Amino acid sequence: MKKLTLPLTKEDVKELRAGESVSITGVILTARDCAHKRLITLLEEKKPLPFEIKDAVIYYAGPCPAKPDTASGSCGPTTSARMESFAPALLDLGLGAIIGKGEMNGETREALKRNSAVYFAAIGGAGALYGLSIKSSKCIAFDDLLSEAVYRLEVEDFPAIVAYDCYGGSIY
């Protein structure tokens, strides 16, 4: 398993190949459908985003509330195809990586190649495991969306698989 420390550099991304198992440590952001829609609306209105998108890693997930003495509850991936209409625009702004579940379309794959970015697959049904890798969690945008808000997560040894590499390689 390849250990990755965020933020990823373009050189890091260029060394990754579809099918490799990785362990991610660093800061990732969560964002689901509603948050993505708001981000795109802000961009269309020429307003600043509530966080730095360049080199960020967005996890398509919504964390469950934390139990006592934990940073987060279960935090499993949602279906990435639901973010298809938003992903290319964010990748073109410098988003460094996506973490989600399932295949994405050709437009997103082309945006990953064009921007030397990567898509990591997380395992559906393993939300409790992913919750254990979260060391801190803080809502940083759109708190009215509750679990669909944007959270800043510090993760340690977050397991994933390189689903699409920056060369067009795919596990699908």
Protein backbone atom coordinates (compact mmCIF):
# COMPACT_ATOMS: atom_id res chain seq x y z
CA MET A 1 0.00 0.00 0.00
CA LYS A 2 1.40 3.37 -1.04
CA LYS A 3 1.36 6.01 1.71
CA LEU A 4 0.32 9.49 0.57
CA THR A 5 0.62 12.70 2.58
CA LEU A 6 -1.54 15.62 1.52
CA PRO A 7 -1.36 18.00 -0.18
CA LEU A 8 -0.45 15.97 -3.24
CA THR A 9 2.00 17.47 -5.67
CA LYS A 10 1.62 16.99 -9.42
CA GLU A 11 4.69 14.75 -9.20
CA ASP A 12 2.89 12.58 -6.59
CA VAL A 13 -0.15 12.30 -8.86
CA LYS A 14 1.96 11.37 -11.88
CA GLU A 15 3.42 8.40 -9.95
CA LEU A 16 -0.02 6.92 -9.19
CA ARG A 17 -1.53 4.21 -11.37
CA ALA A 18 -5.06 2.87 -11.56
CA GLY A 19 -5.47 -0.13 -9.30
CA GLU A 20 -2.91 0.88 -6.67
CA SER A 21 -3.97 0.78 -3.02
CA VAL A 22 -3.18 3.95 -1.09
CA SER A 23 -3.30 5.18 2.48
CA ILE A 24 -4.05 8.91 2.71
CA THR A 25 -2.99 11.20 5.56
CA GLY A 26 -3.75 14.91 5.68
CA VAL A 27 -6.67 17.27 5.11
CA ILE A 28 -9.62 16.35 2.92
CA LEU A 29 -12.91 18.20 2.44
CA THR A 30 -16.34 16.62 2.21
CA ALA A 31 -18.92 17.84 -0.28
CA ARG A 32 -22.01 16.20 -1.71
CA ASP A 33 -24.63 17.25 -4.27
CA CYS A 34 -26.09 20.28 -2.49
CA ALA A 35 -22.70 21.70 -1.56
CA HIS A 36 -21.44 21.24 -5.13
CA LYS A 37 -24.46 23.05 -6.51
CA ARG A 38 -23.74 26.00 -4.19
CA LEU A 39 -20.06 26.04 -5.18
CA ILE A 40 -20.96 26.20 -8.87
CA THR A 41 -23.54 28.93 -8.19
CA LEU A 42 -20.87 30.98 -6.40
CA LEU A 43 -18.55 30.55 -9.38
CA GLU A 44 -21.31 31.57 -11.83
CA GLU A 45 -21.97 34.67 -9.70
CA LYS A 46 -18.23 35.45 -9.73
CA LYS A 47 -18.11 35.17 -5.94
CA PRO A 48 -15.24 33.59 -4.01
CA LEU A 49 -15.46 30.02 -2.84
CA PRO A 50 -15.53 29.51 0.96
CA PHE A 51 -12.27 27.52 0.82
CA GLU A 52 -9.20 27.16 -1.39
CA ILE A 53 -9.96 24.73 -4.21
CA LYS A 54 -6.42 24.53 -5.64
CA ASP A 55 -4.81 21.20 -4.71
CA ALA A 56 -7.72 20.34 -2.40
CA VAL A 57 -9.08 16.81 -2.10
CA ILE A 58 -12.87 16.50 -2.04
CA TYR A 59 -14.46 13.38 -0.57
CA TYR A 60 -18.00 12.76 -1.79
CA ALA A 61 -19.37 12.01 1.66
CA GLY A 62 -21.40 13.40 4.52
CA PRO A 63 -20.07 12.56 7.98
CA CYS A 64 -22.48 11.27 10.62
CA PRO A 65 -22.41 12.96 14.03
CA ALA A 66 -19.55 11.94 16.28
CA LYS A 67 -20.00 9.70 19.28
CA PRO A 68 -18.33 10.72 22.55
CA ASP A 69 -14.54 10.70 22.34
CA THR A 70 -14.50 10.46 18.53
CA ALA A 71 -13.89 13.08 15.85
CA SER A 72 -16.60 11.79 13.52
CA GLY A 73 -19.20 9.14 13.12
CA SER A 74 -19.50 6.91 10.09
CA CYS A 75 -18.35 8.62 6.90
CA GLY A 76 -18.84 6.45 3.85
CA PRO A 77 -18.64 7.55 0.21
CA THR A 78 -21.63 8.52 -1.87
CA THR A 79 -22.07 7.73 -5.55
CA SER A 80 -19.66 9.89 -7.54
CA ALA A 81 -21.84 9.98 -10.66
CA ARG A 82 -24.10 12.41 -8.77
CA MET A 83 -21.29 15.01 -8.98
CA GLU A 84 -20.64 14.52 -12.72
CA SER A 85 -22.02 17.90 -13.75
CA PHE A 86 -19.80 19.72 -11.22
CA ALA A 87 -16.50 17.82 -11.19
CA PRO A 88 -14.91 19.06 -14.45
CA ALA A 89 -15.33 22.75 -13.52
CA LEU A 90 -13.74 22.22 -10.10
CA LEU A 91 -10.91 20.15 -11.56
CA ASP A 92 -10.25 22.94 -14.08
CA LEU A 93 -9.92 25.33 -11.11
CA GLY A 94 -7.16 23.17 -9.63
CA LEU A 95 -8.93 20.57 -7.51
CA GLY A 96 -6.19 17.99 -6.95
CA ALA A 97 -8.16 14.83 -6.23
CA ILE A 98 -11.61 13.35 -5.74
CA ILE A 99 -12.60 10.49 -3.46
CA GLY A 100 -15.89 8.73 -4.12
CA LYS A 101 -17.69 5.55 -5.05
CA GLY A 102 -18.24 4.13 -8.52
CA GLU A 103 -17.52 5.12 -12.10
CA MET A 104 -17.48 8.64 -13.51
CA ASN A 105 -18.09 9.70 -17.10
CA GLY A 106 -15.68 10.54 -19.89
CA GLU A 107 -15.87 14.30 -19.31
CA THR A 108 -14.66 13.90 -15.72
CA ARG A 109 -11.95 11.45 -16.78
CA GLU A 110 -10.76 13.92 -19.44
CA ALA A 111 -10.69 16.70 -16.82
CA LEU A 112 -8.57 14.48 -14.55
CA LYS A 113 -6.09 13.91 -17.40
CA ARG A 114 -6.13 17.58 -18.50
CA ASN A 115 -5.37 18.75 -14.95
CA SER A 116 -3.05 15.95 -13.77
CA ALA A 117 -5.53 15.02 -11.03
CA VAL A 118 -6.63 11.67 -9.63
CA TYR A 119 -9.84 9.93 -8.57
CA PHE A 120 -9.67 7.62 -5.58
CA ALA A 121 -12.35 5.00 -4.95
CA ALA A 122 -13.52 4.47 -1.40
CA ILE A 123 -15.37 1.30 -0.48
CA GLY A 124 -19.12 1.53 -0.10
CA GLY A 125 -20.38 0.07 3.15
CA ALA A 126 -17.13 0.86 4.98
CA GLY A 127 -18.27 4.16 6.49
CA ALA A 128 -17.53 3.05 10.06
CA LEU A 129 -13.95 2.16 9.05
CA TYR A 130 -13.50 5.53 7.34
CA GLY A 131 -14.88 7.28 10.41
CA LEU A 132 -12.07 5.75 12.47
CA SER A 133 -9.43 7.35 10.23
CA ILE A 134 -10.87 10.85 10.90
CA LYS A 135 -8.85 12.60 13.60
CA SER A 136 -10.67 15.97 13.48
CA SER A 137 -13.74 17.35 11.76
CA LYS A 138 -14.95 20.92 11.39
CA CYS A 139 -17.76 22.38 9.29
CA ILE A 140 -16.27 25.12 7.09
CA ALA A 141 -19.12 25.99 4.70
CA PHE A 142 -22.88 25.72 4.22
CA ASP A 143 -23.65 24.57 7.78
CA ASP A 144 -27.38 24.73 7.04
CA LEU A 145 -26.89 21.62 4.87
CA LEU A 146 -26.07 19.56 7.99
CA SER A 147 -24.33 16.34 6.93
CA GLU A 148 -24.15 17.64 3.34
CA ALA A 149 -22.21 20.73 4.45
CA VAL A 150 -18.52 21.07 3.64
CA TYR A 151 -16.37 19.61 6.40
CA ARG A 152 -12.62 19.87 6.81
CA LEU A 153 -11.39 16.46 7.91
CA GLU A 154 -7.94 15.59 9.13
CA VAL A 155 -7.47 11.92 8.26
CA GLU A 156 -4.79 9.37 9.03
CA ASP A 157 -4.30 6.19 7.02
CA PHE A 158 -7.52 6.65 5.04
CA PRO A 159 -7.62 3.62 2.69
CA ALA A 160 -8.53 4.01 -0.99
CA ILE A 161 -7.77 2.69 -4.47
CA VAL A 162 -6.59 4.75 -7.43
CA ALA A 163 -9.67 4.42 -9.65
CA TYR A 164 -8.67 6.82 -12.45
CA ASP A 165 -5.10 8.01 -12.81
CA CYS A 166 -3.98 11.14 -14.63
CA TYR A 167 -3.11 9.08 -17.73
CA GLY A 168 -6.59 7.73 -18.35
CA GLY A 169 -5.99 4.43 -16.59
CA SER A 170 -9.08 2.96 -14.94
CA ILE A 171 -10.02 0.15 -12.60
CA TYR A 172 -13.42 0.07 -14.27
